[in-house]
């Protein structure tokens, strides 16, 4: 069976995975910034082109939500009820800001990070796409969320070290949340909001070595 990369001009799949494109922009900008052999105009231009597409098509400007999948011309196909597409988008904006020294990318990254923190710590209505919890739905908190927020705030601090003071209390909160997932030598991916183990397969999921 012939395989074909989604990111080439010859892509015939008819869709563009949004989170992949966000990571692709971050990777190109990161390589441009940190690896001499990739410090070329071709790499920078590819990263900038991807960032321009993301800013134009990958985000719902009214909510700050990012689409998981777009079609080839940028129309949205799917959005998830998680924060991860938005986190990868923020990382892409942060790294391209460092590569280009353009304030618009830095501003975009910081504004998106502020929205992420609001969703996680204050009001998750937009994450849930307006759908209220069902009466019998078990609420849970995932280790992936504080770990991802730690990763993104670290990326922003590499862009501007002065942001360390802005995010210090958020980082401490994320560390506390992450450490609460540890039960002896076992690291659980999901716990109840009160820190209790969950029943069923959701509660049995472990992430060895994640912390």
Protein backbone atom coordinates (compact mmCIF):
# COMPACT_ATOMS: atom_id res chain seq x y z
CA UNK A 1 0.00 0.00 0.00
CA UNK A 2 1.40 3.37 -1.02
CA UNK A 3 1.59 6.00 1.72
CA UNK A 4 1.75 9.72 1.19
CA UNK A 5 2.71 12.56 3.60
CA UNK A 6 -0.18 14.86 4.49
CA UNK A 7 2.03 17.95 4.37
CA UNK A 8 3.11 17.83 0.71
CA UNK A 9 1.67 19.71 -2.25
CA UNK A 10 0.70 16.30 -3.63
CA UNK A 11 -1.55 15.52 -0.65
CA UNK A 12 -4.68 13.87 -2.07
CA UNK A 13 -6.34 12.97 1.23
CA UNK A 14 -8.62 16.00 1.06
CA UNK A 15 -7.92 17.12 4.65
CA UNK A 16 -5.27 18.81 6.76
CA UNK A 17 -4.78 17.54 10.34
CA UNK A 18 -4.76 20.80 12.33
CA UNK A 19 -2.71 19.57 15.28
CA UNK A 20 -0.14 18.09 12.89
CA UNK A 21 0.21 21.39 11.06
CA UNK A 22 0.66 23.20 14.36
CA UNK A 23 3.44 20.83 15.39
CA UNK A 24 4.94 21.09 11.92
CA UNK A 25 5.16 24.90 12.19
CA UNK A 26 6.66 24.59 15.68
CA UNK A 27 9.21 22.00 14.45
CA UNK A 28 10.34 24.04 11.44
CA UNK A 29 10.68 27.21 13.52
CA UNK A 30 12.48 25.28 16.28
CA UNK A 31 14.94 23.80 13.80
CA UNK A 32 15.50 27.23 12.27
CA UNK A 33 16.14 28.74 15.69
CA UNK A 34 18.38 26.05 17.17
CA UNK A 35 20.06 23.98 14.45
CA UNK A 36 22.60 25.69 12.21
CA UNK A 37 22.01 23.39 9.25
CA UNK A 38 18.33 24.37 9.19
CA UNK A 39 18.92 28.08 9.69
CA UNK A 40 17.92 28.85 6.11
CA UNK A 41 15.40 31.10 4.43
CA UNK A 42 13.66 28.07 2.92
CA UNK A 43 12.94 26.61 6.36
CA UNK A 44 11.85 29.97 7.76
CA UNK A 45 9.56 30.67 4.81
CA UNK A 46 7.94 27.24 5.18
CA UNK A 47 7.31 27.90 8.88
CA UNK A 48 5.90 31.37 8.18
CA UNK A 49 3.63 30.04 5.45
CA UNK A 50 2.27 27.43 7.84
CA UNK A 51 1.81 29.97 10.61
CA UNK A 52 -0.11 32.25 8.25
CA UNK A 53 -2.44 29.39 7.34
CA UNK A 54 -3.00 28.57 11.02
CA UNK A 55 -3.82 32.15 11.97
CA UNK A 56 -6.21 32.52 9.03
CA UNK A 57 -8.03 29.19 9.18
CA UNK A 58 -7.20 27.01 12.19
CA UNK A 59 -8.88 29.08 14.92
CA UNK A 60 -12.45 30.15 15.65
CA UNK A 61 -11.82 33.81 16.44
CA UNK A 62 -15.03 34.14 18.47
CA UNK A 63 -14.01 31.51 21.06
CA UNK A 64 -10.28 30.88 20.62
CA UNK A 65 -11.00 27.21 19.86
CA UNK A 66 -8.80 25.48 17.27
CA UNK A 67 -10.01 22.90 14.78
CA UNK A 68 -8.61 19.40 14.85
CA UNK A 69 -9.11 18.79 11.12
CA UNK A 70 -9.51 21.16 8.17
CA UNK A 71 -10.07 20.46 4.52
CA UNK A 72 -7.36 21.43 2.03
CA UNK A 73 -8.65 24.98 1.54
CA UNK A 74 -9.01 25.66 5.28
CA UNK A 75 -12.67 24.93 5.99
CA UNK A 76 -13.17 23.20 9.36
CA UNK A 77 -14.18 19.55 9.56
CA UNK A 78 -13.79 18.58 13.22
CA UNK A 79 -13.23 20.14 16.64
CA UNK A 80 -12.49 18.17 19.82
CA UNK A 81 -13.58 18.83 23.39
CA UNK A 82 -9.96 19.11 24.61
CA UNK A 83 -7.34 21.85 24.85
CA UNK A 84 -4.58 20.10 22.92
CA UNK A 85 -5.05 21.61 19.45
CA UNK A 86 -4.99 25.03 21.11
CA UNK A 87 -1.82 24.16 23.04
CA UNK A 88 0.02 23.07 19.89
CA UNK A 89 -1.21 26.23 18.15
CA UNK A 90 0.20 28.36 20.99
CA UNK A 91 3.56 26.57 20.83
CA UNK A 92 3.71 27.17 17.08
CA UNK A 93 3.01 30.90 17.52
CA UNK A 94 5.63 31.17 20.26
CA UNK A 95 8.39 29.54 18.24
CA UNK A 96 7.63 31.41 15.01
CA UNK A 97 7.66 34.65 17.04
CA UNK A 98 11.18 33.80 18.15
CA UNK A 99 12.23 32.99 14.59
CA UNK A 100 10.80 36.15 13.01
CA UNK A 101 10.87 38.60 15.93
CA UNK A 102 7.36 39.66 14.90
CA UNK A 103 5.22 40.97 17.74
CA UNK A 104 1.95 39.71 16.24
CA UNK A 105 2.97 36.09 16.77
CA UNK A 106 4.08 36.75 20.35
CA UNK A 107 0.82 38.55 21.12
CA UNK A 108 -1.17 35.71 19.61
CA UNK A 109 0.70 33.12 21.69
CA UNK A 110 0.22 34.99 24.97
CA UNK A 111 -3.47 35.69 24.34
CA UNK A 112 -4.08 32.05 23.48
CA UNK A 113 -2.28 30.93 26.63
CA UNK A 114 -4.45 33.19 28.77
CA UNK A 115 -7.56 31.63 27.23
CA UNK A 116 -6.22 28.10 27.92
CA UNK A 117 -5.64 28.94 31.58
CA UNK A 118 -9.13 30.41 31.89
CA UNK A 119 -10.69 27.24 30.47
CA UNK A 120 -8.76 24.91 32.74
CA UNK A 121 -8.94 26.87 35.99
CA UNK A 122 -12.19 28.83 35.76
CA UNK A 123 -14.72 27.87 33.10
CA UNK A 124 -14.57 24.91 30.70
CA UNK A 125 -17.79 25.77 28.82
CA UNK A 126 -15.94 26.53 25.58
CA UNK A 127 -13.89 23.32 25.84
CA UNK A 128 -17.11 21.34 26.11
CA UNK A 129 -18.50 23.25 23.10
CA UNK A 130 -21.37 24.47 25.26
CA UNK A 131 -22.56 20.97 26.14
CA UNK A 132 -23.35 20.75 29.90
CA UNK A 133 -22.32 17.62 31.82
CA UNK A 134 -24.92 14.86 31.65
CA UNK A 135 -26.59 13.79 34.89
CA UNK A 136 -24.80 10.43 35.03
CA UNK A 137 -21.49 11.56 33.58
CA UNK A 138 -18.42 10.89 35.73
CA UNK A 139 -16.28 14.01 35.94
CA UNK A 140 -12.54 13.41 35.67
CA UNK A 141 -9.28 15.31 35.49
CA UNK A 142 -6.50 14.19 33.16
CA UNK A 143 -2.76 14.25 33.85
CA UNK A 144 -2.27 15.33 30.23
CA UNK A 145 -3.79 18.77 30.93
CA UNK A 146 -1.37 20.10 33.60
CA UNK A 147 1.57 18.43 31.86
CA UNK A 148 0.64 20.10 28.56
CA UNK A 149 0.18 23.50 30.20
CA UNK A 150 3.60 23.16 31.84
CA UNK A 151 5.09 22.41 28.43
CA UNK A 152 3.46 25.42 26.78
CA UNK A 153 4.36 27.90 29.54
CA UNK A 154 7.96 26.66 29.33
CA UNK A 155 7.93 27.32 25.58
CA UNK A 156 6.66 30.85 26.17
CA UNK A 157 9.41 31.49 28.69
CA UNK A 158 12.02 30.54 26.09
CA UNK A 159 10.45 33.26 23.92
CA UNK A 160 10.45 35.85 26.70
CA UNK A 161 12.02 34.98 30.09
CA UNK A 162 10.09 37.81 31.75
CA UNK A 163 6.92 35.72 31.29
CA UNK A 164 8.20 33.47 34.07
CA UNK A 165 6.69 35.80 36.67
CA UNK A 166 3.38 35.87 34.77
CA UNK A 167 3.05 32.10 34.76
CA UNK A 168 4.75 31.11 38.02
CA UNK A 169 1.59 30.51 40.03
CA UNK A 170 0.00 28.66 37.09
CA UNK A 171 3.04 26.43 36.82
CA UNK A 172 2.94 25.68 40.54
CA UNK A 173 -0.74 24.81 40.23
CA UNK A 174 0.02 22.51 37.30
CA UNK A 175 2.79 20.76 39.23
CA UNK A 176 0.45 20.24 42.18
CA UNK A 177 -2.20 18.80 39.87
CA UNK A 178 0.29 16.54 38.14
CA UNK A 179 1.72 15.20 41.39
CA UNK A 180 -1.78 14.45 42.66
CA UNK A 181 -2.05 11.80 39.93
CA UNK A 182 0.60 9.70 41.65
CA UNK A 183 -0.59 6.84 43.86
CA UNK A 184 2.49 5.21 45.35
CA UNK A 185 4.58 4.05 42.40
CA UNK A 186 1.63 4.24 39.99
CA UNK A 187 0.85 7.33 37.91
CA UNK A 188 -2.80 7.46 36.93
CA UNK A 189 -3.90 9.36 33.85
CA UNK A 190 -7.37 10.17 35.22
CA UNK A 191 -8.72 10.99 38.69
CA UNK A 192 -11.92 12.50 40.00
CA UNK A 193 -11.89 16.30 40.60
CA UNK A 194 -11.44 15.54 44.33
CA UNK A 195 -8.37 13.39 43.59
CA UNK A 196 -10.02 10.01 44.06
CA UNK A 197 -9.42 6.96 41.89
CA UNK A 198 -12.10 6.39 39.25
CA UNK A 199 -13.88 3.09 38.62
CA UNK A 200 -13.58 1.13 35.39
CA UNK A 201 -11.04 1.32 32.59
CA UNK A 202 -10.79 5.12 32.80
CA UNK A 203 -9.47 4.86 36.34
CA UNK A 204 -7.05 2.03 35.54
CA UNK A 205 -5.14 3.90 32.82
CA UNK A 206 -1.50 4.42 33.88
CA UNK A 207 1.24 6.57 32.36
CA UNK A 208 4.63 5.06 33.32
CA UNK A 209 7.39 7.66 33.47
CA UNK A 210 5.23 10.65 32.52
CA UNK A 211 6.20 12.77 35.52
